[in-house]
Amino acid sequence: MSFEGAERRETPLGERPPDNQRAVFLDELGREIARVWPELRAERVRSADGLPTRLVVTRRDSVAREEVGCDFDAETGWWFIWLWGEEEPQRIGHVRAIPLVARSVASVMGLRTLAV
């Protein structure tokens, strides 16, 4: 068996990676948010208009709401992004940094983590 000429696997332009991988990462983020901030509720939803799965985060005591997506970059992998309706999505953090991303989401929702 030869390793010469090994192919490099990339997502071809115009193709999206499977939505189930996105769902796995969003579920992990949702669990981290619920574990650390019980006052937040995180629910993964899929829109009726066919947009990719997203995580909707709400505060139990207010109408505050944020939507987080997960997008794939062929060079750097999966990233959590804000779904603020901007033309170019804003990255929150890489999927390997779930605690940091959860903290960023909680901060935007008006919650702070106290270091003791």
PDB file of N, CA and C in Angstrom:
ATOM      1  N   MET A   1       0.850  -1.169   0.000  1.00  0.00           N
ATOM      2  CA  MET A   1       0.000   0.000   0.000  1.00  0.00           C
ATOM      3  C   MET A   1       0.894   1.230   0.000  1.00  0.00           C
ATOM      4  N   SER A   2       0.598   2.189  -0.847  1.00  0.00           N
ATOM      5  CA  SER A   2       1.411   3.382  -0.976  1.00  0.00           C
ATOM      6  C   SER A   2       0.635   4.617  -0.539  1.00  0.00           C
ATOM      7  N   PHE A   3       1.344   5.528   0.093  1.00  0.00           N
ATOM      8  CA  PHE A   3       0.719   6.778   0.513  1.00  0.00           C
ATOM      9  C   PHE A   3       1.037   7.905  -0.457  1.00  0.00           C
ATOM     10  N   GLU A   4       1.731   7.585  -1.529  1.00  0.00           N
ATOM     11  CA  GLU A   4       2.064   8.606  -2.505  1.00  0.00           C
ATOM     12  C   GLU A   4       0.789   9.058  -3.200  1.00  0.00           C
ATOM     13  N   GLY A   5       0.715  10.335  -3.433  1.00  0.00           N
ATOM     14  CA  GLY A   5      -0.435  10.879  -4.140  1.00  0.00           C
ATOM     15  C   GLY A   5      -1.720  10.839  -3.335  1.00  0.00           C
ATOM     16  N   ALA A   6      -1.599  10.834  -2.026  1.00  0.00           N
ATOM     17  CA  ALA A   6      -2.806  10.803  -1.198  1.00  0.00           C
ATOM     18  C   ALA A   6      -3.661  12.031  -1.483  1.00  0.00           C
ATOM     19  N   GLU A   7      -4.953  11.810  -1.584  1.00  0.00           N
ATOM     20  CA  GLU A   7      -5.862  12.911  -1.869  1.00  0.00           C
ATOM     21  C   GLU A   7      -6.148  13.711  -0.606  1.00  0.00           C
ATOM     22  N   ARG A   8      -6.280  14.991  -0.782  1.00  0.00           N
ATOM     23  CA  ARG A   8      -6.661  15.869   0.325  1.00  0.00           C
ATOM     24  C   ARG A   8      -8.170  16.066   0.239  1.00  0.00           C
ATOM     25  N   ARG A   9      -8.852  15.767   1.333  1.00  0.00           N
ATOM     26  CA  ARG A   9     -10.309  15.895   1.341  1.00  0.00           C
ATOM     27  C   ARG A   9     -10.713  17.296   1.751  1.00  0.00           C
ATOM     28  N   GLU A  10     -11.490  17.933   0.911  1.00  0.00           N
ATOM     29  CA  GLU A  10     -12.020  19.254   1.204  1.00  0.00           C
ATOM     30  C   GLU A  10     -13.465  19.281   0.762  1.00  0.00           C
ATOM     31  N   THR A  11     -14.201  20.225   1.304  1.00  0.00           N
ATOM     32  CA  THR A  11     -15.573  20.399   0.873  1.00  0.00           C
ATOM     33  C   THR A  11     -15.550  21.163  -0.438  1.00  0.00           C
ATOM     34  N   PRO A  12     -16.061  20.581  -1.530  1.00  0.00           N
ATOM     35  CA  PRO A  12     -16.063  21.284  -2.808  1.00  0.00           C
ATOM     36  C   PRO A  12     -16.874  22.571  -2.715  1.00  0.00           C
ATOM     37  N   LEU A  13     -16.464  23.567  -3.495  1.00  0.00           N
ATOM     38  CA  LEU A  13     -17.181  24.837  -3.496  1.00  0.00           C
ATOM     39  C   LEU A  13     -18.651  24.610  -3.807  1.00  0.00           C
ATOM     40  N   GLY A  14     -19.498  25.300  -3.088  1.00  0.00           N
ATOM     41  CA  GLY A  14     -20.930  25.183  -3.313  1.00  0.00           C
ATOM     42  C   GLY A  14     -21.586  24.055  -2.540  1.00  0.00           C
ATOM     43  N   GLU A  15     -20.800  23.136  -1.978  1.00  0.00           N
ATOM     44  CA  GLU A  15     -21.375  22.041  -1.190  1.00  0.00           C
ATOM     45  C   GLU A  15     -21.250  22.348   0.285  1.00  0.00           C
ATOM     46  N   ARG A  16     -22.254  21.986   1.043  1.00  0.00           N
ATOM     47  CA  ARG A  16     -22.232  22.194   2.493  1.00  0.00           C
ATOM     48  C   ARG A  16     -21.974  20.862   3.169  1.00  0.00           C
ATOM     49  N   PRO A  17     -21.254  20.883   4.289  1.00  0.00           N
ATOM     50  CA  PRO A  17     -21.064  19.644   5.042  1.00  0.00           C
ATOM     51  C   PRO A  17     -22.397  19.190   5.634  1.00  0.00           C
ATOM     52  N   PRO A  18     -22.492  17.970   6.080  1.00  0.00           N
ATOM     53  CA  PRO A  18     -23.765  17.458   6.595  1.00  0.00           C
ATOM     54  C   PRO A  18     -24.287  18.267   7.780  1.00  0.00           C
ATOM     55  N   ASP A  19     -25.597  18.513   7.778  1.00  0.00           N
ATOM     56  CA  ASP A  19     -26.228  19.295   8.833  1.00  0.00           C
ATOM     57  C   ASP A  19     -26.153  18.568  10.172  1.00  0.00           C
ATOM     58  N   ASN A  20     -26.027  17.223  10.165  1.00  0.00           N
ATOM     59  CA  ASN A  20     -25.977  16.496  11.436  1.00  0.00           C
ATOM     60  C   ASN A  20     -24.725  16.838  12.241  1.00  0.00           C
ATOM     61  N   GLN A  21     -23.613  17.144  11.584  1.00  0.00           N
ATOM     62  CA  GLN A  21     -22.402  17.544  12.302  1.00  0.00           C
ATOM     63  C   GLN A  21     -22.634  18.887  12.974  1.00  0.00           C
ATOM     64  N   ARG A  22     -23.268  19.789  12.262  1.00  0.00           N
ATOM     65  CA  ARG A  22     -23.622  21.100  12.808  1.00  0.00           C
ATOM     66  C   ARG A  22     -24.489  20.911  14.046  1.00  0.00           C
ATOM     67  N   ALA A  23     -25.471  20.018  13.964  1.00  0.00           N
ATOM     68  CA  ALA A  23     -26.382  19.764  15.086  1.00  0.00           C
ATOM     69  C   ALA A  23     -25.627  19.230  16.298  1.00  0.00           C
ATOM     70  N   VAL A  24     -24.659  18.361  16.081  1.00  0.00           N
ATOM     71  CA  VAL A  24     -23.866  17.810  17.186  1.00  0.00           C
ATOM     72  C   VAL A  24     -23.138  18.934  17.923  1.00  0.00           C
ATOM     73  N   PHE A  25     -22.497  19.824  17.189  1.00  0.00           N
ATOM     74  CA  PHE A  25     -21.771  20.930  17.824  1.00  0.00           C
ATOM     75  C   PHE A  25     -22.725  21.876  18.549  1.00  0.00           C
ATOM     76  N   LEU A  26     -23.864  22.187  17.934  1.00  0.00           N
ATOM     77  CA  LEU A  26     -24.828  23.083  18.582  1.00  0.00           C
ATOM     78  C   LEU A  26     -25.397  22.453  19.845  1.00  0.00           C
ATOM     79  N   ASP A  27     -25.643  21.138  19.814  1.00  0.00           N
ATOM     80  CA  ASP A  27     -26.125  20.448  21.024  1.00  0.00           C
ATOM     81  C   ASP A  27     -25.097  20.522  22.147  1.00  0.00           C
ATOM     82  N   GLU A  28     -23.818  20.342  21.809  1.00  0.00           N
ATOM     83  CA  GLU A  28     -22.764  20.431  22.825  1.00  0.00           C
ATOM     84  C   GLU A  28     -22.730  21.827  23.437  1.00  0.00           C
ATOM     85  N   LEU A  29     -22.855  22.844  22.605  1.00  0.00           N
ATOM     86  CA  LEU A  29     -22.873  24.214  23.117  1.00  0.00           C
ATOM     87  C   LEU A  29     -24.102  24.439  23.993  1.00  0.00           C
ATOM     88  N   GLY A  30     -25.244  23.946  23.564  1.00  0.00           N
ATOM     89  CA  GLY A  30     -26.468  24.088  24.354  1.00  0.00           C
ATOM     90  C   GLY A  30     -26.357  23.434  25.720  1.00  0.00           C
ATOM     91  N   ARG A  31     -25.735  22.251  25.785  1.00  0.00           N
ATOM     92  CA  ARG A  31     -25.549  21.572  27.072  1.00  0.00           C
ATOM     93  C   ARG A  31     -24.627  22.375  27.994  1.00  0.00           C
ATOM     94  N   GLU A  32     -23.571  22.939  27.426  1.00  0.00           N
ATOM     95  CA  GLU A  32     -22.643  23.743  28.228  1.00  0.00           C
ATOM     96  C   GLU A  32     -23.340  24.994  28.765  1.00  0.00           C
ATOM     97  N   ILE A  33     -24.114  25.640  27.950  1.00  0.00           N
ATOM     98  CA  ILE A  33     -24.850  26.829  28.390  1.00  0.00           C
ATOM     99  C   ILE A  33     -25.809  26.468  29.523  1.00  0.00           C
ATOM    100  N   ALA A  34     -26.571  25.386  29.365  1.00  0.00           N
ATOM    101  CA  ALA A  34     -27.536  24.963  30.389  1.00  0.00           C
ATOM    102  C   ALA A  34     -26.841  24.545  31.688  1.00  0.00           C
ATOM    103  N   ARG A  35     -25.669  23.940  31.578  1.00  0.00           N
ATOM    104  CA  ARG A  35     -24.932  23.474  32.756  1.00  0.00           C
ATOM    105  C   ARG A  35     -24.428  24.649  33.594  1.00  0.00           C
ATOM    106  N   VAL A  36     -23.912  25.668  32.934  1.00  0.00           N
ATOM    107  CA  VAL A  36     -23.277  26.772  33.645  1.00  0.00           C
ATOM    108  C   VAL A  36     -24.262  27.898  33.985  1.00  0.00           C
ATOM    109  N   TRP A  37     -25.231  28.138  33.126  1.00  0.00           N
ATOM    110  CA  TRP A  37     -26.196  29.229  33.332  1.00  0.00           C
ATOM    111  C   TRP A  37     -27.622  28.684  33.293  1.00  0.00           C
ATOM    112  N   PRO A  38     -28.140  28.231  34.428  1.00  0.00           N
ATOM    113  CA  PRO A  38     -29.497  27.664  34.446  1.00  0.00           C
ATOM    114  C   PRO A  38     -30.577  28.687  34.096  1.00  0.00           C
ATOM    115  N   GLU A  39     -30.242  29.982  34.168  1.00  0.00           N
ATOM    116  CA  GLU A  39     -31.216  31.001  33.808  1.00  0.00           C
ATOM    117  C   GLU A  39     -31.361  31.172  32.298  1.00  0.00           C
ATOM    118  N   LEU A  40     -30.529  30.458  31.544  1.00  0.00           N
ATOM    119  CA  LEU A  40     -30.632  30.476  30.085  1.00  0.00           C
ATOM    120  C   LEU A  40     -31.238  29.178  29.580  1.00  0.00           C
ATOM    121  N   ARG A  41     -31.952  29.279  28.510  1.00  0.00           N
ATOM    122  CA  ARG A  41     -32.548  28.107  27.852  1.00  0.00           C
ATOM    123  C   ARG A  41     -31.995  28.056  26.433  1.00  0.00           C
ATOM    124  N   ALA A  42     -31.476  26.934  26.032  1.00  0.00           N
ATOM    125  CA  ALA A  42     -30.920  26.774  24.683  1.00  0.00           C
ATOM    126  C   ALA A  42     -31.665  25.660  23.973  1.00  0.00           C
ATOM    127  N   GLU A  43     -32.151  25.964  22.792  1.00  0.00           N
ATOM    128  CA  GLU A  43     -32.919  24.981  22.026  1.00  0.00           C
ATOM    129  C   GLU A  43     -32.455  24.999  20.569  1.00  0.00           C
ATOM    130  N   ARG A  44     -32.128  23.825  20.062  1.00  0.00           N
ATOM    131  CA  ARG A  44     -31.727  23.721  18.655  1.00  0.00           C
ATOM    132  C   ARG A  44     -32.973  23.647  17.794  1.00  0.00           C
ATOM    133  N   VAL A  45     -33.037  24.479  16.766  1.00  0.00           N
ATOM    134  CA  VAL A  45     -34.208  24.512  15.887  1.00  0.00           C
ATOM    135  C   VAL A  45     -33.768  24.499  14.429  1.00  0.00           C
ATOM    136  N   ARG A  46     -34.651  24.038  13.595  1.00  0.00           N
ATOM    137  CA  ARG A  46     -34.458  24.079  12.145  1.00  0.00           C
ATOM    138  C   ARG A  46     -35.611  24.885  11.582  1.00  0.00           C
ATOM    139  N   SER A  47     -35.276  25.872  10.797  1.00  0.00           N
ATOM    140  CA  SER A  47     -36.314  26.758  10.285  1.00  0.00           C
ATOM    141  C   SER A  47     -37.111  26.109   9.164  1.00  0.00           C
ATOM    142  N   ALA A  48     -38.316  26.577   8.994  1.00  0.00           N
ATOM    143  CA  ALA A  48     -39.202  26.052   7.957  1.00  0.00           C
ATOM    144  C   ALA A  48     -38.707  26.449   6.567  1.00  0.00           C
ATOM    145  N   ASP A  49     -37.936  27.524   6.480  1.00  0.00           N
ATOM    146  CA  ASP A  49     -37.482  27.991   5.167  1.00  0.00           C
ATOM    147  C   ASP A  49     -36.200  27.307   4.692  1.00  0.00           C
ATOM    148  N   GLY A  50     -35.798  26.246   5.369  1.00  0.00           N
ATOM    149  CA  GLY A  50     -34.676  25.442   4.910  1.00  0.00           C
ATOM    150  C   GLY A  50     -33.299  25.927   5.327  1.00  0.00           C
ATOM    151  N   LEU A  51     -33.236  26.964   6.153  1.00  0.00           N
ATOM    152  CA  LEU A  51     -31.929  27.405   6.642  1.00  0.00           C
ATOM    153  C   LEU A  51     -31.336  26.340   7.557  1.00  0.00           C
ATOM    154  N   PRO A  52     -30.013  26.328   7.712  1.00  0.00           N
ATOM    155  CA  PRO A  52     -29.398  25.314   8.573  1.00  0.00           C
ATOM    156  C   PRO A  52     -29.883  25.400  10.019  1.00  0.00           C
ATOM    157  N   THR A  53     -29.732  24.294  10.703  1.00  0.00           N
ATOM    158  CA  THR A  53     -30.057  24.213  12.125  1.00  0.00           C
ATOM    159  C   THR A  53     -29.327  25.316  12.879  1.00  0.00           C
ATOM    160  N   ARG A  54     -29.981  25.867  13.910  1.00  0.00           N
ATOM    161  CA  ARG A  54     -29.359  26.901  14.729  1.00  0.00           C
ATOM    162  C   ARG A  54     -29.740  26.700  16.181  1.00  0.00           C
ATOM    163  N   LEU A  55     -29.041  27.378  17.069  1.00  0.00           N
ATOM    164  CA  LEU A  55     -29.323  27.309  18.500  1.00  0.00           C
ATOM    165  C   LEU A  55     -29.963  28.632  18.906  1.00  0.00           C
ATOM    166  N   VAL A  56     -31.161  28.551  19.479  1.00  0.00           N
ATOM    167  CA  VAL A  56     -31.844  29.740  19.972  1.00  0.00           C
ATOM    168  C   VAL A  56     -31.656  29.772  21.480  1.00  0.00           C
ATOM    169  N   VAL A  57     -31.069  30.848  21.987  1.00  0.00           N
ATOM    170  CA  VAL A  57     -30.790  30.988  23.411  1.00  0.00           C
ATOM    171  C   VAL A  57     -31.667  32.113  23.942  1.00  0.00           C
ATOM    172  N   THR A  58     -32.422  31.818  24.999  1.00  0.00           N
ATOM    173  CA  THR A  58     -33.298  32.810  25.613  1.00  0.00           C
ATOM    174  C   THR A  58     -33.046  32.853  27.112  1.00  0.00           C
ATOM    175  N   ARG A  59     -33.396  34.011  27.716  1.00  0.00           N
ATOM    176  CA  ARG A  59     -33.353  34.129  29.181  1.00  0.00           C
ATOM    177  C   ARG A  59     -34.717  33.764  29.711  1.00  0.00           C
ATOM    178  N   ARG A  60     -34.729  33.011  30.787  1.00  0.00           N
ATOM    179  CA  ARG A  60     -36.001  32.583  31.376  1.00  0.00           C
ATOM    180  C   ARG A  60     -36.778  33.751  31.976  1.00  0.00           C
ATOM    181  N   ASP A  61     -36.076  34.820  32.369  1.00  0.00           N
ATOM    182  CA  ASP A  61     -36.723  35.941  33.055  1.00  0.00           C
ATOM    183  C   ASP A  61     -36.939  37.172  32.166  1.00  0.00           C
ATOM    184  N   SER A  62     -36.749  37.038  30.851  1.00  0.00           N
ATOM    185  CA  SER A  62     -36.939  38.186  29.961  1.00  0.00           C
ATOM    186  C   SER A  62     -37.205  37.719  28.539  1.00  0.00           C
ATOM    187  N   VAL A  63     -37.310  38.676  27.642  1.00  0.00           N
ATOM    188  CA  VAL A  63     -37.530  38.341  26.236  1.00  0.00           C
ATOM    189  C   VAL A  63     -36.221  38.343  25.446  1.00  0.00           C
ATOM    190  N   ALA A  64     -35.093  38.482  26.137  1.00  0.00           N
ATOM    191  CA  ALA A  64     -33.789  38.478  25.467  1.00  0.00           C
ATOM    192  C   ALA A  64     -33.615  37.183  24.685  1.00  0.00           C
ATOM    193  N   ARG A  65     -33.084  37.307  23.475  1.00  0.00           N
ATOM    194  CA  ARG A  65     -32.950  36.144  22.592  1.00  0.00           C
ATOM    195  C   ARG A  65     -31.759  36.351  21.669  1.00  0.00           C
ATOM    196  N   GLU A  66     -30.976  35.304  21.499  1.00  0.00           N
ATOM    197  CA  GLU A  66     -29.873  35.312  20.535  1.00  0.00           C
ATOM    198  C   GLU A  66     -29.915  34.008  19.746  1.00  0.00           C
ATOM    199  N   GLU A  67     -29.445  34.083  18.520  1.00  0.00           N
ATOM    200  CA  GLU A  67     -29.361  32.889  17.682  1.00  0.00           C
ATOM    201  C   GLU A  67     -27.907  32.655  17.299  1.00  0.00           C
ATOM    202  N   VAL A  68     -27.491  31.399  17.472  1.00  0.00           N
ATOM    203  CA  VAL A  68     -26.118  30.997  17.193  1.00  0.00           C
ATOM    204  C   VAL A  68     -26.152  29.923  16.123  1.00  0.00           C
ATOM    205  N   GLY A  69     -25.293  30.075  15.140  1.00  0.00           N
ATOM    206  CA  GLY A  69     -25.165  29.069  14.099  1.00  0.00           C
ATOM    207  C   GLY A  69     -23.814  28.392  14.194  1.00  0.00           C
ATOM    208  N   CYS A  70     -23.592  27.458  13.309  1.00  0.00           N
ATOM    209  CA  CYS A  70     -22.320  26.753  13.250  1.00  0.00           C
ATOM    210  C   CYS A  70     -21.993  26.602  11.771  1.00  0.00           C
ATOM    211  N   ASP A  71     -20.860  27.140  11.370  1.00  0.00           N
ATOM    212  CA  ASP A  71     -20.526  27.162   9.953  1.00  0.00           C
ATOM    213  C   ASP A  71     -19.173  26.513   9.716  1.00  0.00           C
ATOM    214  N   PHE A  72     -19.017  25.964   8.532  1.00  0.00           N
ATOM    215  CA  PHE A  72     -17.801  25.234   8.175  1.00  0.00           C
ATOM    216  C   PHE A  72     -16.931  26.067   7.252  1.00  0.00           C
ATOM    217  N   ASP A  73     -15.653  26.142   7.577  1.00  0.00           N
ATOM    218  CA  ASP A  73     -14.651  26.789   6.738  1.00  0.00           C
ATOM    219  C   ASP A  73     -13.708  25.678   6.273  1.00  0.00           C
ATOM    220  N   ALA A  74     -13.526  25.536   4.981  1.00  0.00           N
ATOM    221  CA  ALA A  74     -12.714  24.444   4.441  1.00  0.00           C
ATOM    222  C   ALA A  74     -11.270  24.476   4.937  1.00  0.00           C
ATOM    223  N   GLU A  75     -10.762  25.645   5.307  1.00  0.00           N
ATOM    224  CA  GLU A  75      -9.383  25.753   5.760  1.00  0.00           C
ATOM    225  C   GLU A  75      -9.226  25.571   7.266  1.00  0.00           C
ATOM    226  N   THR A  76     -10.218  26.042   8.049  1.00  0.00           N
ATOM    227  CA  THR A  76     -10.043  26.049   9.506  1.00  0.00           C
ATOM    228  C   THR A  76     -11.063  25.222  10.271  1.00  0.00           C
ATOM    229  N   GLY A  77     -12.031  24.641   9.596  1.00  0.00           N
ATOM    230  CA  GLY A  77     -12.999  23.770  10.264  1.00  0.00           C
ATOM    231  C   GLY A  77     -14.270  24.483  10.694  1.00  0.00           C
ATOM    232  N   TRP A  78     -14.896  23.953  11.738  1.00  0.00           N
ATOM    233  CA  TRP A  78     -16.198  24.435  12.212  1.00  0.00           C
ATOM    234  C   TRP A  78     -16.055  25.582  13.196  1.00  0.00           C
ATOM    235  N   TRP A  79     -16.929  26.589  13.056  1.00  0.00           N
ATOM    236  CA  TRP A  79     -16.954  27.773  13.917  1.00  0.00           C
ATOM    237  C   TRP A  79     -18.386  28.063  14.337  1.00  0.00           C
ATOM    238  N   PHE A  80     -18.540  28.524  15.576  1.00  0.00           N
ATOM    239  CA  PHE A  80     -19.836  29.055  16.006  1.00  0.00           C
ATOM    240  C   PHE A  80     -19.899  30.499  15.524  1.00  0.00           C
ATOM    241  N   ILE A  81     -21.072  30.904  15.043  1.00  0.00           N
ATOM    242  CA  ILE A  81     -21.244  32.254  14.509  1.00  0.00           C
ATOM    243  C   ILE A  81     -22.517  32.886  15.070  1.00  0.00           C
ATOM    244  N   TRP A  82     -22.516  34.219  15.141  1.00  0.00           N
ATOM    245  CA  TRP A  82     -23.730  34.951  15.496  1.00  0.00           C
ATOM    246  C   TRP A  82     -24.611  35.018  14.260  1.00  0.00           C
ATOM    247  N   LEU A  83     -25.900  34.869  14.432  1.00  0.00           N
ATOM    248  CA  LEU A  83     -26.844  34.996  13.320  1.00  0.00           C
ATOM    249  C   LEU A  83     -27.581  36.321  13.468  1.00  0.00           C
ATOM    250  N   TRP A  84     -26.858  37.402  13.244  1.00  0.00           N
ATOM    251  CA  TRP A  84     -27.404  38.735  13.412  1.00  0.00           C
ATOM    252  C   TRP A  84     -27.895  39.337  12.105  1.00  0.00           C
ATOM    253  N   GLY A  85     -27.974  38.545  11.068  1.00  0.00           N
ATOM    254  CA  GLY A  85     -28.474  39.049   9.800  1.00  0.00           C
ATOM    255  C   GLY A  85     -27.472  39.865   9.009  1.00  0.00           C
ATOM    256  N   GLU A  86     -26.216  39.825   9.411  1.00  0.00           N
ATOM    257  CA  GLU A  86     -25.194  40.554   8.670  1.00  0.00           C
ATOM    258  C   GLU A  86     -24.806  39.760   7.434  1.00  0.00           C
ATOM    259  N   GLU A  87     -24.304  40.475   6.444  1.00  0.00           N
ATOM    260  CA  GLU A  87     -23.907  39.820   5.207  1.00  0.00           C
ATOM    261  C   GLU A  87     -22.797  38.792   5.449  1.00  0.00           C
ATOM    262  N   GLU A  88     -21.810  39.177   6.235  1.00  0.00           N
ATOM    263  CA  GLU A  88     -20.704  38.274   6.579  1.00  0.00           C
ATOM    264  C   GLU A  88     -20.869  37.839   8.035  1.00  0.00           C
ATOM    265  N   PRO A  89     -21.072  36.549   8.292  1.00  0.00           N
ATOM    266  CA  PRO A  89     -21.290  36.093   9.678  1.00  0.00           C
ATOM    267  C   PRO A  89     -20.110  36.442  10.586  1.00  0.00           C
ATOM    268  N   GLN A  90     -20.421  36.806  11.807  1.00  0.00           N
ATOM    269  CA  GLN A  90     -19.390  37.094  12.802  1.00  0.00           C
ATOM    270  C   GLN A  90     -19.095  35.835  13.593  1.00  0.00           C
ATOM    271  N   ARG A  91     -17.848  35.438  13.636  1.00  0.00           N
ATOM    272  CA  ARG A  91     -17.452  34.258  14.392  1.00  0.00           C
ATOM    273  C   ARG A  91     -17.436  34.565  15.883  1.00  0.00           C
ATOM    274  N   ILE A  92     -17.923  33.591  16.658  1.00  0.00           N
ATOM    275  CA  ILE A  92     -17.839  33.684  18.114  1.00  0.00           C
ATOM    276  C   ILE A  92     -16.590  32.946  18.574  1.00  0.00           C
ATOM    277  N   GLY A  93     -16.415  31.741  18.066  1.00  0.00           N
ATOM    278  CA  GLY A  93     -15.255  30.937  18.433  1.00  0.00           C
ATOM    279  C   GLY A  93     -15.305  29.587  17.746  1.00  0.00           C
ATOM    280  N   HIS A  94     -14.183  28.902  17.775  1.00  0.00           N
ATOM    281  CA  HIS A  94     -14.068  27.581  17.157  1.00  0.00           C
ATOM    282  C   HIS A  94     -14.829  26.552  17.989  1.00  0.00           C
ATOM    283  N   VAL A  95     -15.263  25.479  17.360  1.00  0.00           N
ATOM    284  CA  VAL A  95     -16.023  24.449  18.082  1.00  0.00           C
ATOM    285  C   VAL A  95     -15.194  23.752  19.150  1.00  0.00           C
ATOM    286  N   ARG A  96     -13.873  23.873  19.094  1.00  0.00           N
ATOM    287  CA  ARG A  96     -13.029  23.294  20.135  1.00  0.00           C
ATOM    288  C   ARG A  96     -12.982  24.168  21.383  1.00  0.00           C
ATOM    289  N   ALA A  97     -13.605  25.354  21.324  1.00  0.00           N
ATOM    290  CA  ALA A  97     -13.575  26.294  22.450  1.00  0.00           C
ATOM    291  C   ALA A  97     -14.986  26.506  23.007  1.00  0.00           C
ATOM    292  N   ILE A  98     -15.721  25.415  23.232  1.00  0.00           N
ATOM    293  CA  ILE A  98     -17.118  25.520  23.660  1.00  0.00           C
ATOM    294  C   ILE A  98     -17.292  26.314  24.954  1.00  0.00           C
ATOM    295  N   PRO A  99     -16.488  26.117  26.009  1.00  0.00           N
ATOM    296  CA  PRO A  99     -16.682  26.929  27.223  1.00  0.00           C
ATOM    297  C   PRO A  99     -16.524  28.434  26.955  1.00  0.00           C
ATOM    298  N   LEU A 100     -15.561  28.801  26.140  1.00  0.00           N
ATOM    299  CA  LEU A 100     -15.349  30.205  25.806  1.00  0.00           C
ATOM    300  C   LEU A 100     -16.534  30.762  25.008  1.00  0.00           C
ATOM    301  N   VAL A 101     -17.024  29.998  24.060  1.00  0.00           N
ATOM    302  CA  VAL A 101     -18.182  30.426  23.260  1.00  0.00           C
ATOM    303  C   VAL A 101     -19.410  30.562  24.155  1.00  0.00           C
ATOM    304  N   ALA A 102     -19.622  29.605  25.051  1.00  0.00           N
ATOM    305  CA  ALA A 102     -20.765  29.670  25.972  1.00  0.00           C
ATOM    306  C   ALA A 102     -20.689  30.926  26.828  1.00  0.00           C
ATOM    307  N   ARG A 103     -19.488  31.267  27.291  1.00  0.00           N
ATOM    308  CA  ARG A 103     -19.301  32.490  28.078  1.00  0.00           C
ATOM    309  C   ARG A 103     -19.639  33.724  27.258  1.00  0.00           C
ATOM    310  N   SER A 104     -19.245  33.737  25.995  1.00  0.00           N
ATOM    311  CA  SER A 104     -19.539  34.875  25.121  1.00  0.00           C
ATOM    312  C   SER A 104     -21.047  35.028  24.919  1.00  0.00           C
ATOM    313  N   VAL A 105     -21.736  33.916  24.713  1.00  0.00           N
ATOM    314  CA  VAL A 105     -23.190  33.961  24.532  1.00  0.00           C
ATOM    315  C   VAL A 105     -23.853  34.467  25.813  1.00  0.00           C
ATOM    316  N   ALA A 106     -23.450  33.945  26.960  1.00  0.00           N
ATOM    317  CA  ALA A 106     -24.027  34.374  28.236  1.00  0.00           C
ATOM    318  C   ALA A 106     -23.772  35.858  28.475  1.00  0.00           C
ATOM    319  N   SER A 107     -22.607  36.340  28.112  1.00  0.00           N
ATOM    320  CA  SER A 107     -22.278  37.749  28.285  1.00  0.00           C
ATOM    321  C   SER A 107     -23.191  38.630  27.432  1.00  0.00           C
ATOM    322  N   VAL A 108     -23.407  38.239  26.200  1.00  0.00           N
ATOM    323  CA  VAL A 108     -24.308  38.999  25.334  1.00  0.00           C
ATOM    324  C   VAL A 108     -25.736  38.976  25.891  1.00  0.00           C
ATOM    325  N   MET A 109     -26.072  37.899  26.581  1.00  0.00           N
ATOM    326  CA  MET A 109     -27.405  37.783  27.190  1.00  0.00           C
ATOM    327  C   MET A 109     -27.487  38.514  28.529  1.00  0.00           C
ATOM    328  N   GLY A 110     -26.408  39.185  28.921  1.00  0.00           N
ATOM    329  CA  GLY A 110     -26.413  39.978  30.137  1.00  0.00           C
ATOM    330  C   GLY A 110     -25.990  39.250  31.387  1.00  0.00           C
ATOM    331  N   LEU A 111     -25.372  38.077  31.235  1.00  0.00           N
ATOM    332  CA  LEU A 111     -24.913  37.306  32.392  1.00  0.00           C
ATOM    333  C   LEU A 111     -23.394  37.297  32.434  1.00  0.00           C
ATOM    334  N   ARG A 112     -22.855  37.293  33.620  1.00  0.00           N
ATOM    335  CA  ARG A 112     -21.406  37.259  33.790  1.00  0.00           C
ATOM    336  C   ARG A 112     -21.023  36.069  34.659  1.00  0.00           C
ATOM    337  N   THR A 113     -19.857  35.511  34.364  1.00  0.00           N
ATOM    338  CA  THR A 113     -19.327  34.442  35.193  1.00  0.00           C
ATOM    339  C   THR A 113     -18.422  35.071  36.235  1.00  0.00           C
ATOM    340  N   LEU A 114     -18.641  34.738  37.479  1.00  0.00           N
ATOM    341  CA  LEU A 114     -17.795  35.241  38.552  1.00  0.00           C
ATOM    342  C   LEU A 114     -16.651  34.277  38.797  1.00  0.00           C
ATOM    343  N   ALA A 115     -15.462  34.809  38.775  1.00  0.00           N
ATOM    344  CA  ALA A 115     -14.284  33.979  39.065  1.00  0.00           C
ATOM    345  C   ALA A 115     -14.066  34.017  40.578  1.00  0.00           C
ATOM    346  N   VAL A 116     -14.010  32.843  41.202  1.00  0.00           N
ATOM    347  CA  VAL A 116     -13.816  32.782  42.646  1.00  0.00           C
ATOM    348  C   VAL A 116     -12.540  32.058  42.972  1.00  0.00           C
TER     349      VAL A 116
END
